[in-house]
ModelCIF file with pLDDT and N, C-alpha, C, O atoms, coordinates in Angstrom:
data_MODEL
#
_entry.id   MODEL 
#
_entity.id                         1 
_entity.type                       polymer 
_entity.pdbx_number_of_molecules   1 
#
_entity_poly.entity_id                      1 
_entity_poly.type                           'polypeptide(L)' 
_entity_poly.nstd_linkage                   no 
_entity_poly.nstd_monomer                   no 
_entity_poly.pdbx_seq_one_letter_code       WPYNYEFEYNDTGHDDDYFSSSGLIPAYNHMVEWDDVNWIGNL 
_entity_poly.pdbx_seq_one_letter_code_can   WPYNYEFEYNDTGHDDDYFSSSGLIPAYNHMVEWDDVNWIGNL 
_entity_poly.pdbx_strand_id                 A 
#
loop_
_entity_poly_seq.entity_id 
_entity_poly_seq.num 
_entity_poly_seq.mon_id 
_entity_poly_seq.hetero 
1 1  TRP n 
1 2  PRO n 
1 3  TYR n 
1 4  ASN n 
1 5  TYR n 
1 6  GLU n 
1 7  PHE n 
1 8  GLU n 
1 9  TYR n 
1 10 ASN n 
1 11 ASP n 
1 12 THR n 
1 13 GLY n 
1 14 HIS n 
1 15 ASP n 
1 16 ASP n 
1 17 ASP n 
1 18 TYR n 
1 19 PHE n 
1 20 SER n 
1 21 SER n 
1 22 SER n 
1 23 GLY n 
1 24 LEU n 
1 25 ILE n 
1 26 PRO n 
1 27 ALA n 
1 28 TYR n 
1 29 ASN n 
1 30 HIS n 
1 31 MET n 
1 32 VAL n 
1 33 GLU n 
1 34 TRP n 
1 35 ASP n 
1 36 ASP n 
1 37 VAL n 
1 38 ASN n 
1 39 TRP n 
1 40 ILE n 
1 41 GLY n 
1 42 ASN n 
1 43 LEU n 
#
_struct_asym.id          A 
_struct_asym.entity_id   1 
#
loop_
_ma_qa_metric.id 
_ma_qa_metric.mode 
_ma_qa_metric.name 
_ma_qa_metric.software_group_id 
_ma_qa_metric.type 
1 global pLDDT . pLDDT 
2 local  pLDDT . pLDDT 
#
_ma_qa_metric_global.metric_id      1 
_ma_qa_metric_global.metric_value   90.86 
_ma_qa_metric_global.model_id       1 
_ma_qa_metric_global.ordinal_id     1 
#
loop_
_ma_qa_metric_local.label_asym_id 
_ma_qa_metric_local.label_comp_id 
_ma_qa_metric_local.label_seq_id 
_ma_qa_metric_local.metric_id 
_ma_qa_metric_local.metric_value 
_ma_qa_metric_local.model_id 
_ma_qa_metric_local.ordinal_id 
A TRP 1  2 93.00 1 1  
A PRO 2  2 92.00 1 2  
A TYR 3  2 91.00 1 3  
A ASN 4  2 91.00 1 4  
A TYR 5  2 93.00 1 5  
A GLU 6  2 93.00 1 6  
A PHE 7  2 94.00 1 7  
A GLU 8  2 92.00 1 8  
A TYR 9  2 89.00 1 9  
A ASN 10 2 93.00 1 10 
A ASP 11 2 91.00 1 11 
A THR 12 2 90.00 1 12 
A GLY 13 2 88.00 1 13 
A HIS 14 2 88.00 1 14 
A ASP 15 2 89.00 1 15 
A ASP 16 2 89.00 1 16 
A ASP 17 2 84.00 1 17 
A TYR 18 2 82.00 1 18 
A PHE 19 2 86.00 1 19 
A SER 20 2 83.00 1 20 
A SER 21 2 74.00 1 21 
A SER 22 2 71.00 1 22 
A GLY 23 2 80.00 1 23 
A LEU 24 2 87.00 1 24 
A ILE 25 2 92.00 1 25 
A PRO 26 2 95.00 1 26 
A ALA 27 2 96.00 1 27 
A TYR 28 2 97.00 1 28 
A ASN 29 2 98.00 1 29 
A HIS 30 2 98.00 1 30 
A MET 31 2 98.00 1 31 
A VAL 32 2 98.00 1 32 
A GLU 33 2 98.00 1 33 
A TRP 34 2 98.00 1 34 
A ASP 35 2 96.00 1 35 
A ASP 36 2 96.00 1 36 
A VAL 37 2 96.00 1 37 
A ASN 38 2 95.00 1 38 
A TRP 39 2 92.00 1 39 
A ILE 40 2 91.00 1 40 
A GLY 41 2 87.00 1 41 
A ASN 42 2 90.00 1 42 
A LEU 43 2 93.00 1 43 
#
loop_
_atom_site.group_PDB 
_atom_site.id 
_atom_site.type_symbol 
_atom_site.label_atom_id 
_atom_site.label_alt_id 
_atom_site.label_comp_id 
_atom_site.label_asym_id 
_atom_site.label_entity_id 
_atom_site.label_seq_id 
_atom_site.pdbx_PDB_ins_code 
_atom_site.Cartn_x 
_atom_site.Cartn_y 
_atom_site.Cartn_z 
_atom_site.occupancy 
_atom_site.B_iso_or_equiv 
_atom_site.pdbx_formal_charge 
_atom_site.auth_seq_id 
_atom_site.auth_comp_id 
_atom_site.auth_asym_id 
_atom_site.auth_atom_id 
_atom_site.pdbx_PDB_model_num 
ATOM 1   N N  . TRP A 1 1  ? 72.236 73.735 93.492  1.00 93.00 ? 1  TRP A N  1 
ATOM 2   C CA . TRP A 1 1  ? 73.343 74.407 92.842  1.00 93.00 ? 1  TRP A CA 1 
ATOM 3   C C  . TRP A 1 1  ? 72.809 75.489 91.906  1.00 93.00 ? 1  TRP A C  1 
ATOM 4   O O  . TRP A 1 1  ? 72.606 75.226 90.720  1.00 93.00 ? 1  TRP A O  1 
ATOM 5   N N  . PRO A 1 2  ? 72.579 76.703 92.418  1.00 92.00 ? 2  PRO A N  1 
ATOM 6   C CA . PRO A 1 2  ? 72.175 77.813 91.545  1.00 92.00 ? 2  PRO A CA 1 
ATOM 7   C C  . PRO A 1 2  ? 73.406 78.435 90.879  1.00 92.00 ? 2  PRO A C  1 
ATOM 8   O O  . PRO A 1 2  ? 74.448 78.590 91.515  1.00 92.00 ? 2  PRO A O  1 
ATOM 9   N N  . TYR A 1 3  ? 73.281 78.784 89.613  1.00 91.00 ? 3  TYR A N  1 
ATOM 10  C CA . TYR A 1 3  ? 74.430 79.340 88.902  1.00 91.00 ? 3  TYR A CA 1 
ATOM 11  C C  . TYR A 1 3  ? 73.950 80.141 87.689  1.00 91.00 ? 3  TYR A C  1 
ATOM 12  O O  . TYR A 1 3  ? 72.756 80.205 87.393  1.00 91.00 ? 3  TYR A O  1 
ATOM 13  N N  . ASN A 1 4  ? 74.916 80.746 87.000  1.00 91.00 ? 4  ASN A N  1 
ATOM 14  C CA . ASN A 1 4  ? 74.681 81.485 85.758  1.00 91.00 ? 4  ASN A CA 1 
ATOM 15  C C  . ASN A 1 4  ? 73.658 82.613 85.933  1.00 91.00 ? 4  ASN A C  1 
ATOM 16  O O  . ASN A 1 4  ? 72.648 82.656 85.231  1.00 91.00 ? 4  ASN A O  1 
ATOM 17  N N  . TYR A 1 5  ? 73.927 83.520 86.870  1.00 93.00 ? 5  TYR A N  1 
ATOM 18  C CA . TYR A 1 5  ? 73.042 84.665 87.110  1.00 93.00 ? 5  TYR A CA 1 
ATOM 19  C C  . TYR A 1 5  ? 73.279 85.757 86.068  1.00 93.00 ? 5  TYR A C  1 
ATOM 20  O O  . TYR A 1 5  ? 74.423 86.077 85.743  1.00 93.00 ? 5  TYR A O  1 
ATOM 21  N N  . GLU A 1 6  ? 72.198 86.322 85.552  1.00 93.00 ? 6  GLU A N  1 
ATOM 22  C CA . GLU A 1 6  ? 72.268 87.460 84.635  1.00 93.00 ? 6  GLU A CA 1 
ATOM 23  C C  . GLU A 1 6  ? 71.199 88.466 85.046  1.00 93.00 ? 6  GLU A C  1 
ATOM 24  O O  . GLU A 1 6  ? 70.005 88.168 85.002  1.00 93.00 ? 6  GLU A O  1 
ATOM 25  N N  . PHE A 1 7  ? 71.637 89.670 85.450  1.00 94.00 ? 7  PHE A N  1 
ATOM 26  C CA . PHE A 1 7  ? 70.714 90.699 85.932  1.00 94.00 ? 7  PHE A CA 1 
ATOM 27  C C  . PHE A 1 7  ? 70.356 91.659 84.806  1.00 94.00 ? 7  PHE A C  1 
ATOM 28  O O  . PHE A 1 7  ? 71.219 92.234 84.142  1.00 94.00 ? 7  PHE A O  1 
ATOM 29  N N  . GLU A 1 8  ? 69.034 91.809 84.616  1.00 92.00 ? 8  GLU A N  1 
ATOM 30  C CA . GLU A 1 8  ? 68.528 92.725 83.589  1.00 92.00 ? 8  GLU A CA 1 
ATOM 31  C C  . GLU A 1 8  ? 68.165 94.079 84.186  1.00 92.00 ? 8  GLU A C  1 
ATOM 32  O O  . GLU A 1 8  ? 68.348 95.115 83.547  1.00 92.00 ? 8  GLU A O  1 
ATOM 33  N N  . TYR A 1 9  ? 67.643 94.064 85.425  1.00 89.00 ? 9  TYR A N  1 
ATOM 34  C CA . TYR A 1 9  ? 67.184 95.314 86.035  1.00 89.00 ? 9  TYR A CA 1 
ATOM 35  C C  . TYR A 1 9  ? 67.190 95.154 87.549  1.00 89.00 ? 9  TYR A C  1 
ATOM 36  O O  . TYR A 1 9  ? 66.673 94.164 88.067  1.00 89.00 ? 9  TYR A O  1 
ATOM 37  N N  . ASN A 1 10 ? 67.766 96.112 88.262  1.00 93.00 ? 10 ASN A N  1 
ATOM 38  C CA . ASN A 1 10 ? 67.820 96.063 89.724  1.00 93.00 ? 10 ASN A CA 1 
ATOM 39  C C  . ASN A 1 10 ? 67.719 97.467 90.278  1.00 93.00 ? 10 ASN A C  1 
ATOM 40  O O  . ASN A 1 10 ? 68.694 98.219 90.256  1.00 93.00 ? 10 ASN A O  1 
ATOM 41  N N  . ASP A 1 11 ? 66.551 97.826 90.775  1.00 91.00 ? 11 ASP A N  1 
ATOM 42  C CA . ASP A 1 11 ? 66.321 99.138 91.368  1.00 91.00 ? 11 ASP A CA 1 
ATOM 43  C C  . ASP A 1 11 ? 65.814 98.967 92.807  1.00 91.00 ? 11 ASP A C  1 
ATOM 44  O O  . ASP A 1 11 ? 64.969 99.728 93.278  1.00 91.00 ? 11 ASP A O  1 
ATOM 45  N N  . THR A 1 12 ? 66.357 97.936 93.499  1.00 90.00 ? 12 THR A N  1 
ATOM 46  C CA . THR A 1 12 ? 65.893 97.611 94.850  1.00 90.00 ? 12 THR A CA 1 
ATOM 47  C C  . THR A 1 12 ? 66.686 98.317 95.942  1.00 90.00 ? 12 THR A C  1 
ATOM 48  O O  . THR A 1 12 ? 66.238 98.388 97.086  1.00 90.00 ? 12 THR A O  1 
ATOM 49  N N  . GLY A 1 13 ? 67.877 98.848 95.594  1.00 88.00 ? 13 GLY A N  1 
ATOM 50  C CA . GLY A 1 13 ? 68.767 99.409 96.608  1.00 88.00 ? 13 GLY A CA 1 
ATOM 51  C C  . GLY A 1 13 ? 69.766 98.407 97.136  1.00 88.00 ? 13 GLY A C  1 
ATOM 52  O O  . GLY A 1 13 ? 70.669 98.779 97.885  1.00 88.00 ? 13 GLY A O  1 
ATOM 53  N N  . HIS A 1 14 ? 69.629 97.119 96.759  1.00 88.00 ? 14 HIS A N  1 
ATOM 54  C CA . HIS A 1 14 ? 70.590 96.081 97.132  1.00 88.00 ? 14 HIS A CA 1 
ATOM 55  C C  . HIS A 1 14 ? 71.487 95.765 95.946  1.00 88.00 ? 14 HIS A C  1 
ATOM 56  O O  . HIS A 1 14 ? 71.069 95.887 94.794  1.00 88.00 ? 14 HIS A O  1 
ATOM 57  N N  . ASP A 1 15 ? 72.723 95.357 96.230  1.00 89.00 ? 15 ASP A N  1 
ATOM 58  C CA . ASP A 1 15 ? 73.615 94.902 95.170  1.00 89.00 ? 15 ASP A CA 1 
ATOM 59  C C  . ASP A 1 15 ? 73.113 93.594 94.577  1.00 89.00 ? 15 ASP A C  1 
ATOM 60  O O  . ASP A 1 15 ? 72.324 92.879 95.196  1.00 89.00 ? 15 ASP A O  1 
ATOM 61  N N  . ASP A 1 16 ? 73.581 93.288 93.368  1.00 89.00 ? 16 ASP A N  1 
ATOM 62  C CA . ASP A 1 16 ? 73.179 92.040 92.721  1.00 89.00 ? 16 ASP A CA 1 
ATOM 63  C C  . ASP A 1 16 ? 73.555 90.824 93.566  1.00 89.00 ? 16 ASP A C  1 
ATOM 64  O O  . ASP A 1 16 ? 72.844 89.819 93.564  1.00 89.00 ? 16 ASP A O  1 
ATOM 65  N N  . ASP A 1 17 ? 74.672 90.916 94.288  1.00 84.00 ? 17 ASP A N  1 
ATOM 66  C CA . ASP A 1 17 ? 75.129 89.780 95.099  1.00 84.00 ? 17 ASP A CA 1 
ATOM 67  C C  . ASP A 1 17 ? 74.121 89.397 96.177  1.00 84.00 ? 17 ASP A C  1 
ATOM 68  O O  . ASP A 1 17 ? 74.106 88.254 96.632  1.00 84.00 ? 17 ASP A O  1 
ATOM 69  N N  . TYR A 1 18 ? 73.272 90.351 96.590  1.00 82.00 ? 18 TYR A N  1 
ATOM 70  C CA . TYR A 1 18 ? 72.272 90.075 97.618  1.00 82.00 ? 18 TYR A CA 1 
ATOM 71  C C  . TYR A 1 18 ? 71.274 89.021 97.145  1.00 82.00 ? 18 TYR A C  1 
ATOM 72  O O  . TYR A 1 18 ? 70.723 88.279 97.958  1.00 82.00 ? 18 TYR A O  1 
ATOM 73  N N  . PHE A 1 19 ? 71.041 88.953 95.838  1.00 86.00 ? 19 PHE A N  1 
ATOM 74  C CA . PHE A 1 19 ? 70.033 88.046 95.286  1.00 86.00 ? 19 PHE A CA 1 
ATOM 75  C C  . PHE A 1 19 ? 70.641 86.796 94.661  1.00 86.00 ? 19 PHE A C  1 
ATOM 76  O O  . PHE A 1 19 ? 69.915 85.863 94.315  1.00 86.00 ? 19 PHE A O  1 
ATOM 77  N N  . SER A 1 20 ? 71.945 86.765 94.513  1.00 83.00 ? 20 SER A N  1 
ATOM 78  C CA . SER A 1 20 ? 72.554 85.650 93.791  1.00 83.00 ? 20 SER A CA 1 
ATOM 79  C C  . SER A 1 20 ? 73.405 84.800 94.725  1.00 83.00 ? 20 SER A C  1 
ATOM 80  O O  . SER A 1 20 ? 73.998 85.295 95.684  1.00 83.00 ? 20 SER A O  1 
ATOM 81  N N  . SER A 1 21 ? 73.447 83.516 94.419  1.00 74.00 ? 21 SER A N  1 
ATOM 82  C CA . SER A 1 21 ? 74.293 82.572 95.133  1.00 74.00 ? 21 SER A CA 1 
ATOM 83  C C  . SER A 1 21 ? 74.921 81.650 94.103  1.00 74.00 ? 21 SER A C  1 
ATOM 84  O O  . SER A 1 21 ? 74.304 81.350 93.081  1.00 74.00 ? 21 SER A O  1 
ATOM 85  N N  . SER A 1 22 ? 76.134 81.200 94.359  1.00 71.00 ? 22 SER A N  1 
ATOM 86  C CA . SER A 1 22 ? 76.776 80.258 93.457  1.00 71.00 ? 22 SER A CA 1 
ATOM 87  C C  . SER A 1 22 ? 77.491 79.211 94.296  1.00 71.00 ? 22 SER A C  1 
ATOM 88  O O  . SER A 1 22 ? 77.784 79.436 95.470  1.00 71.00 ? 22 SER A O  1 
ATOM 89  N N  . GLY A 1 23 ? 77.766 78.079 93.694  1.00 80.00 ? 23 GLY A N  1 
ATOM 90  C CA . GLY A 1 23 ? 78.353 76.985 94.453  1.00 80.00 ? 23 GLY A CA 1 
ATOM 91  C C  . GLY A 1 23 ? 77.265 76.116 95.045  1.00 80.00 ? 23 GLY A C  1 
ATOM 92  O O  . GLY A 1 23 ? 76.098 76.506 95.073  1.00 80.00 ? 23 GLY A O  1 
ATOM 93  N N  . LEU A 1 24 ? 77.639 74.948 95.514  1.00 87.00 ? 24 LEU A N  1 
ATOM 94  C CA . LEU A 1 24 ? 76.682 74.001 96.072  1.00 87.00 ? 24 LEU A CA 1 
ATOM 95  C C  . LEU A 1 24 ? 76.104 74.507 97.383  1.00 87.00 ? 24 LEU A C  1 
ATOM 96  O O  . LEU A 1 24 ? 76.820 75.057 98.220  1.00 87.00 ? 24 LEU A O  1 
ATOM 97  N N  . ILE A 1 25 ? 74.796 74.314 97.555  1.00 92.00 ? 25 ILE A N  1 
ATOM 98  C CA . ILE A 1 25 ? 74.112 74.731 98.780  1.00 92.00 ? 25 ILE A CA 1 
ATOM 99  C C  . ILE A 1 25 ? 73.448 73.494 99.387  1.00 92.00 ? 25 ILE A C  1 
ATOM 100 O O  . ILE A 1 25 ? 72.391 73.078 98.913  1.00 92.00 ? 25 ILE A O  1 
ATOM 101 N N  . PRO A 1 26 ? 74.040 72.898 100.419 1.00 95.00 ? 26 PRO A N  1 
ATOM 102 C CA . PRO A 1 26 ? 73.369 71.778 101.099 1.00 95.00 ? 26 PRO A CA 1 
ATOM 103 C C  . PRO A 1 26 ? 72.225 72.305 101.962 1.00 95.00 ? 26 PRO A C  1 
ATOM 104 O O  . PRO A 1 26 ? 72.328 73.370 102.569 1.00 95.00 ? 26 PRO A O  1 
ATOM 105 N N  . ALA A 1 27 ? 71.150 71.551 102.004 1.00 96.00 ? 27 ALA A N  1 
ATOM 106 C CA . ALA A 1 27 ? 69.979 71.977 102.778 1.00 96.00 ? 27 ALA A CA 1 
ATOM 107 C C  . ALA A 1 27 ? 69.332 70.761 103.416 1.00 96.00 ? 27 ALA A C  1 
ATOM 108 O O  . ALA A 1 27 ? 69.492 69.625 102.970 1.00 96.00 ? 27 ALA A O  1 
ATOM 109 N N  . TYR A 1 28 ? 68.598 71.049 104.476 1.00 97.00 ? 28 TYR A N  1 
ATOM 110 C CA . TYR A 1 28 ? 67.839 69.995 105.152 1.00 97.00 ? 28 TYR A CA 1 
ATOM 111 C C  . TYR A 1 28 ? 66.419 70.496 105.358 1.00 97.00 ? 28 TYR A C  1 
ATOM 112 O O  . TYR A 1 28 ? 66.189 71.513 106.012 1.00 97.00 ? 28 TYR A O  1 
ATOM 113 N N  . ASN A 1 29 ? 65.469 69.758 104.784 1.00 98.00 ? 29 ASN A N  1 
ATOM 114 C CA . ASN A 1 29 ? 64.060 70.096 104.902 1.00 98.00 ? 29 ASN A CA 1 
ATOM 115 C C  . ASN A 1 29 ? 63.369 68.994 105.698 1.00 98.00 ? 29 ASN A C  1 
ATOM 116 O O  . ASN A 1 29 ? 63.635 67.812 105.482 1.00 98.00 ? 29 ASN A O  1 
ATOM 117 N N  . HIS A 1 30 ? 62.496 69.369 106.602 1.00 98.00 ? 30 HIS A N  1 
ATOM 118 C CA . HIS A 1 30 ? 61.716 68.366 107.328 1.00 98.00 ? 30 HIS A CA 1 
ATOM 119 C C  . HIS A 1 30 ? 60.345 68.919 107.643 1.00 98.00 ? 30 HIS A C  1 
ATOM 120 O O  . HIS A 1 30 ? 60.144 70.132 107.692 1.00 98.00 ? 30 HIS A O  1 
ATOM 121 N N  . MET A 1 31 ? 59.398 68.013 107.856 1.00 98.00 ? 31 MET A N  1 
ATOM 122 C CA . MET A 1 31 ? 58.009 68.422 108.029 1.00 98.00 ? 31 MET A CA 1 
ATOM 123 C C  . MET A 1 31 ? 57.278 67.413 108.908 1.00 98.00 ? 31 MET A C  1 
ATOM 124 O O  . MET A 1 31 ? 57.518 66.208 108.827 1.00 98.00 ? 31 MET A O  1 
ATOM 125 N N  . VAL A 1 32 ? 56.392 67.922 109.741 1.00 98.00 ? 32 VAL A N  1 
ATOM 126 C CA . VAL A 1 32 ? 55.453 67.106 110.502 1.00 98.00 ? 32 VAL A CA 1 
ATOM 127 C C  . VAL A 1 32 ? 54.064 67.384 109.945 1.00 98.00 ? 32 VAL A C  1 
ATOM 128 O O  . VAL A 1 32 ? 53.661 68.540 109.817 1.00 98.00 ? 32 VAL A O  1 
ATOM 129 N N  . GLU A 1 33 ? 53.331 66.322 109.612 1.00 98.00 ? 33 GLU A N  1 
ATOM 130 C CA . GLU A 1 33 ? 52.014 66.499 108.994 1.00 98.00 ? 33 GLU A CA 1 
ATOM 131 C C  . GLU A 1 33 ? 50.986 65.582 109.624 1.00 98.00 ? 33 GLU A C  1 
ATOM 132 O O  . GLU A 1 33 ? 51.227 64.393 109.835 1.00 98.00 ? 33 GLU A O  1 
ATOM 133 N N  . TRP A 1 34 ? 49.831 66.166 109.920 1.00 98.00 ? 34 TRP A N  1 
ATOM 134 C CA . TRP A 1 34 ? 48.647 65.399 110.307 1.00 98.00 ? 34 TRP A CA 1 
ATOM 135 C C  . TRP A 1 34 ? 47.725 65.364 109.093 1.00 98.00 ? 34 TRP A C  1 
ATOM 136 O O  . TRP A 1 34 ? 47.242 66.409 108.657 1.00 98.00 ? 34 TRP A O  1 
ATOM 137 N N  . ASP A 1 35 ? 47.475 64.190 108.546 1.00 96.00 ? 35 ASP A N  1 
ATOM 138 C CA . ASP A 1 35 ? 46.680 64.053 107.326 1.00 96.00 ? 35 ASP A CA 1 
ATOM 139 C C  . ASP A 1 35 ? 45.537 63.081 107.574 1.00 96.00 ? 35 ASP A C  1 
ATOM 140 O O  . ASP A 1 35 ? 45.740 61.871 107.680 1.00 96.00 ? 35 ASP A O  1 
ATOM 141 N N  . ASP A 1 36 ? 44.335 63.632 107.664 1.00 96.00 ? 36 ASP A N  1 
ATOM 142 C CA . ASP A 1 36 ? 43.131 62.817 107.830 1.00 96.00 ? 36 ASP A CA 1 
ATOM 143 C C  . ASP A 1 36 ? 42.087 63.334 106.839 1.00 96.00 ? 36 ASP A C  1 
ATOM 144 O O  . ASP A 1 36 ? 41.019 63.803 107.232 1.00 96.00 ? 36 ASP A O  1 
ATOM 145 N N  . VAL A 1 37 ? 42.414 63.240 105.553 1.00 96.00 ? 37 VAL A N  1 
ATOM 146 C CA . VAL A 1 37 ? 41.544 63.720 104.478 1.00 96.00 ? 37 VAL A CA 1 
ATOM 147 C C  . VAL A 1 37 ? 41.205 62.543 103.576 1.00 96.00 ? 37 VAL A C  1 
ATOM 148 O O  . VAL A 1 37 ? 42.088 61.803 103.143 1.00 96.00 ? 37 VAL A O  1 
ATOM 149 N N  . ASN A 1 38 ? 39.917 62.379 103.296 1.00 95.00 ? 38 ASN A N  1 
ATOM 150 C CA . ASN A 1 38 ? 39.449 61.309 102.417 1.00 95.00 ? 38 ASN A CA 1 
ATOM 151 C C  . ASN A 1 38 ? 38.679 61.906 101.246 1.00 95.00 ? 38 ASN A C  1 
ATOM 152 O O  . ASN A 1 38 ? 37.961 62.896 101.387 1.00 95.00 ? 38 ASN A O  1 
ATOM 153 N N  . TRP A 1 39 ? 38.848 61.279 100.095 1.00 92.00 ? 39 TRP A N  1 
ATOM 154 C CA . TRP A 1 39 ? 38.061 61.663 98.922  1.00 92.00 ? 39 TRP A CA 1 
ATOM 155 C C  . TRP A 1 39 ? 36.708 60.976 98.967  1.00 92.00 ? 39 TRP A C  1 
ATOM 156 O O  . TRP A 1 39 ? 36.609 59.779 99.235  1.00 92.00 ? 39 TRP A O  1 
ATOM 157 N N  . ILE A 1 40 ? 35.668 61.757 98.699  1.00 91.00 ? 40 ILE A N  1 
ATOM 158 C CA . ILE A 1 40 ? 34.310 61.229 98.550  1.00 91.00 ? 40 ILE A CA 1 
ATOM 159 C C  . ILE A 1 40 ? 33.868 61.636 97.148  1.00 91.00 ? 40 ILE A C  1 
ATOM 160 O O  . ILE A 1 40 ? 33.384 62.748 96.936  1.00 91.00 ? 40 ILE A O  1 
ATOM 161 N N  . GLY A 1 41 ? 34.038 60.734 96.208  1.00 87.00 ? 41 GLY A N  1 
ATOM 162 C CA . GLY A 1 41 ? 33.860 61.113 94.813  1.00 87.00 ? 41 GLY A CA 1 
ATOM 163 C C  . GLY A 1 41 ? 34.929 62.121 94.432  1.00 87.00 ? 41 GLY A C  1 
ATOM 164 O O  . GLY A 1 41 ? 36.122 61.835 94.529  1.00 87.00 ? 41 GLY A O  1 
ATOM 165 N N  . ASN A 1 42 ? 34.502 63.303 93.998  1.00 90.00 ? 42 ASN A N  1 
ATOM 166 C CA . ASN A 1 42 ? 35.440 64.368 93.640  1.00 90.00 ? 42 ASN A CA 1 
ATOM 167 C C  . ASN A 1 42 ? 35.458 65.487 94.672  1.00 90.00 ? 42 ASN A C  1 
ATOM 168 O O  . ASN A 1 42 ? 35.867 66.610 94.376  1.00 90.00 ? 42 ASN A O  1 
ATOM 169 N N  . LEU A 1 43 ? 35.012 65.173 95.885  1.00 93.00 ? 43 LEU A N  1 
ATOM 170 C CA . LEU A 1 43 ? 35.037 66.123 96.988  1.00 93.00 ? 43 LEU A CA 1 
ATOM 171 C C  . LEU A 1 43 ? 35.826 65.521 98.144  1.00 93.00 ? 43 LEU A C  1 
ATOM 172 O O  . LEU A 1 43 ? 35.975 66.158 99.188  1.00 93.00 ? 43 LEU A O  1 
#
């Protein structure tokens, strides 16, 4: 839930609305990972 946007400077050529969002944003994140790392002391 991003909110309360206040723009100080915008010289990108895009309107402020391009960078701001309001209201709840549902998202789904997922990841596949291969992890075969072992610590040997501090290495």
